[in-house]
């Protein structure tokens, strides 16, 4: 890897990015769900519902949710795998993982395991999981290529990778509106609701630095996946990539 990488629109030392991202999520963890609902007008719940429906996860499957945060996907995966299956909610950030644990307990969801881990170094044996998901987290990973290779390694043959992430719209009008919203409204709401305008500035900038749909598809295939397709949601503001290990 190069000695520098992007942190939003800034260039920082590669070794510093992980701690900088950790500081962001330490700050926003307590208001994360509220801000998601406000900033997406509730649409993030529809995007996640589509992701779950696209997973083909069934009773008895083993699922790893990376950067699982407050546990929205883990809750739904738990319903699908049943008592004979396994769901692991993971996050590199302890504060977010704690929020996820509290959220699941408050909703009466049990049987989910919690592991703090780095997506670039997954502490699991080869061919362990039927499905690995990462929603709105890949853009915060320093070495995305390494993370994708790790996911491929731990997936069983026939297993799938699901990446739900902000992406790039082809609509000039939608892009203009979305840029104005991101760099004016989102930051101000972050300051008002979460008392942290700077973190939401980074989150808006990180979306613009994330690979577009075709580039990310190529990265998934380069990580040895045999198949990858993506579906645009909300005009391409968000995309779901699905990779299959044959």
Foldseek 3Di string as FASTA:
>chain_A
DDQWDDQQPDIDGLVCLVVVVLVLCLLCLVCVVVLVCVLVVNCVLVLLVVLLVPFPQAAQFEEEEEQCFQPSNVQVSPVGNDPNHAYEYEYQHPSRQVNNVVNCVVVVHDRYHYDRDALLDDPDAFQAGQEYEYEAPLLSHSDNLSSLLVVLRNHHAFHKYKYKHFADAPDPVVVVVVVCCQQPVQLVVCCVPSVPSPSSSSSSSSSVVDYHDVVVLVSNVVSVFPDKDKDADPRRRIIMIMTHHD
